[in-house]
Amino acid sequence: MMGLWDGGFGAVEVRRVQPYEATKAYACPGCHRQISPGTGHYVAVPADAPDLRRHWHKACWDRR
């Protein structure tokens, strides 16, 4: 776990997903490109709305 980030919509828990844990493809909300299976990335989970979690490329999250 990387901790919490307040992005204007309340606290968000940010976790690292290791390459061996990444078994599905996701669309990154930062660049709208695919995060391929086997690619390490971050998942951001809003504390008040865990069903709105989003998967981000590491670089996109850092640039947000």
C-alpha atoms as a PDB file:
ATOM      1  CA  MET A   1       0.000   0.000   0.000  1.00  0.00           C
ATOM      2  CA  MET A   2       1.310   3.445  -0.905  1.00  0.00           C
ATOM      3  CA  GLY A   3      -0.991   5.554   1.247  1.00  0.00           C
ATOM      4  CA  LEU A   4      -3.761   8.075   0.726  1.00  0.00           C
ATOM      5  CA  TRP A   5      -4.075  10.949  -1.720  1.00  0.00           C
ATOM      6  CA  ASP A   6      -6.739  13.651  -1.667  1.00  0.00           C
ATOM      7  CA  GLY A   7      -7.608  14.333  -5.285  1.00  0.00           C
ATOM      8  CA  GLY A   8     -10.532  16.695  -4.818  1.00  0.00           C
ATOM      9  CA  PHE A   9     -13.029  13.853  -4.437  1.00  0.00           C
ATOM     10  CA  GLY A  10     -11.950  12.768  -0.973  1.00  0.00           C
ATOM     11  CA  ALA A  11      -9.304  10.366   0.205  1.00  0.00           C
ATOM     12  CA  VAL A  12      -8.038   7.813  -2.292  1.00  0.00           C
ATOM     13  CA  GLU A  13      -6.001   4.756  -1.368  1.00  0.00           C
ATOM     14  CA  VAL A  14      -3.236   4.124  -3.895  1.00  0.00           C
ATOM     15  CA  ARG A  15      -1.783   0.625  -4.248  1.00  0.00           C
ATOM     16  CA  ARG A  16       0.947  -0.792  -6.440  1.00  0.00           C
ATOM     17  CA  VAL A  17       0.049  -3.702  -8.669  1.00  0.00           C
ATOM     18  CA  GLN A  18       3.115  -5.819  -9.393  1.00  0.00           C
ATOM     19  CA  PRO A  19       3.569  -7.236 -12.917  1.00  0.00           C
ATOM     20  CA  TYR A  20       2.890 -10.796 -11.750  1.00  0.00           C
ATOM     21  CA  GLU A  21      -0.402  -9.616 -10.157  1.00  0.00           C
ATOM     22  CA  ALA A  22      -1.625  -7.834 -13.308  1.00  0.00           C
ATOM     23  CA  THR A  23      -3.650 -10.516 -15.064  1.00  0.00           C
ATOM     24  CA  LYS A  24      -6.198  -8.334 -16.906  1.00  0.00           C
ATOM     25  CA  ALA A  25      -6.104  -5.373 -19.277  1.00  0.00           C
ATOM     26  CA  TYR A  26      -7.367  -1.991 -18.053  1.00  0.00           C
ATOM     27  CA  ALA A  27      -7.869   1.437 -19.634  1.00  0.00           C
ATOM     28  CA  CYS A  28      -5.780   4.130 -17.951  1.00  0.00           C
ATOM     29  CA  PRO A  29      -7.873   7.255 -17.186  1.00  0.00           C
ATOM     30  CA  GLY A  30      -4.759   9.420 -17.541  1.00  0.00           C
ATOM     31  CA  CYS A  31      -3.932   8.631 -21.175  1.00  0.00           C
ATOM     32  CA  HIS A  32      -6.887   6.420 -22.205  1.00  0.00           C
ATOM     33  CA  ARG A  33      -4.482   3.737 -23.424  1.00  0.00           C
ATOM     34  CA  GLN A  34      -4.463   0.115 -22.406  1.00  0.00           C
ATOM     35  CA  ILE A  35      -2.522  -1.229 -19.441  1.00  0.00           C
ATOM     36  CA  SER A  36      -1.577  -4.681 -20.700  1.00  0.00           C
ATOM     37  CA  PRO A  37      -1.573  -7.813 -18.544  1.00  0.00           C
ATOM     38  CA  GLY A  38       1.828  -8.287 -16.940  1.00  0.00           C
ATOM     39  CA  THR A  39       2.439  -4.530 -16.642  1.00  0.00           C
ATOM     40  CA  GLY A  40       3.015  -3.079 -13.182  1.00  0.00           C
ATOM     41  CA  HIS A  41       0.758  -0.115 -12.432  1.00  0.00           C
ATOM     42  CA  TYR A  42      -1.177   1.680  -9.681  1.00  0.00           C
ATOM     43  CA  VAL A  43      -4.778   1.255  -8.618  1.00  0.00           C
ATOM     44  CA  ALA A  44      -6.507   4.232  -6.991  1.00  0.00           C
ATOM     45  CA  VAL A  45      -9.480   3.383  -4.761  1.00  0.00           C
ATOM     46  CA  PRO A  46     -11.683   6.220  -3.420  1.00  0.00           C
ATOM     47  CA  ALA A  47     -12.360   5.607   0.283  1.00  0.00           C
ATOM     48  CA  ASP A  48     -16.037   6.559  -0.024  1.00  0.00           C
ATOM     49  CA  ALA A  49     -16.650   4.766  -3.331  1.00  0.00           C
ATOM     50  CA  PRO A  50     -14.443   1.657  -3.721  1.00  0.00           C
ATOM     51  CA  ASP A  51     -16.478   0.574  -6.765  1.00  0.00           C
ATOM     52  CA  LEU A  52     -14.996   3.599  -8.603  1.00  0.00           C
ATOM     53  CA  ARG A  53     -11.427   2.281  -8.432  1.00  0.00           C
ATOM     54  CA  ARG A  54      -9.254   3.026 -11.450  1.00  0.00           C
ATOM     55  CA  HIS A  55      -6.041   1.496 -12.750  1.00  0.00           C
ATOM     56  CA  TRP A  56      -3.319   3.946 -13.834  1.00  0.00           C
ATOM     57  CA  HIS A  57       0.042   3.691 -15.584  1.00  0.00           C
ATOM     58  CA  LYS A  58       2.716   4.700 -13.083  1.00  0.00           C
ATOM     59  CA  ALA A  59       3.849   7.632 -15.259  1.00  0.00           C
ATOM     60  CA  CYS A  60       0.280   8.859 -15.802  1.00  0.00           C
ATOM     61  CA  TRP A  61      -0.404   8.784 -12.066  1.00  0.00           C
ATOM     62  CA  ASP A  62       2.788  10.718 -11.378  1.00  0.00           C
ATOM     63  CA  ARG A  63       1.845  13.367 -14.003  1.00  0.00           C
ATOM     64  CA  ARG A  64      -1.810  13.778 -12.965  1.00  0.00           C
END
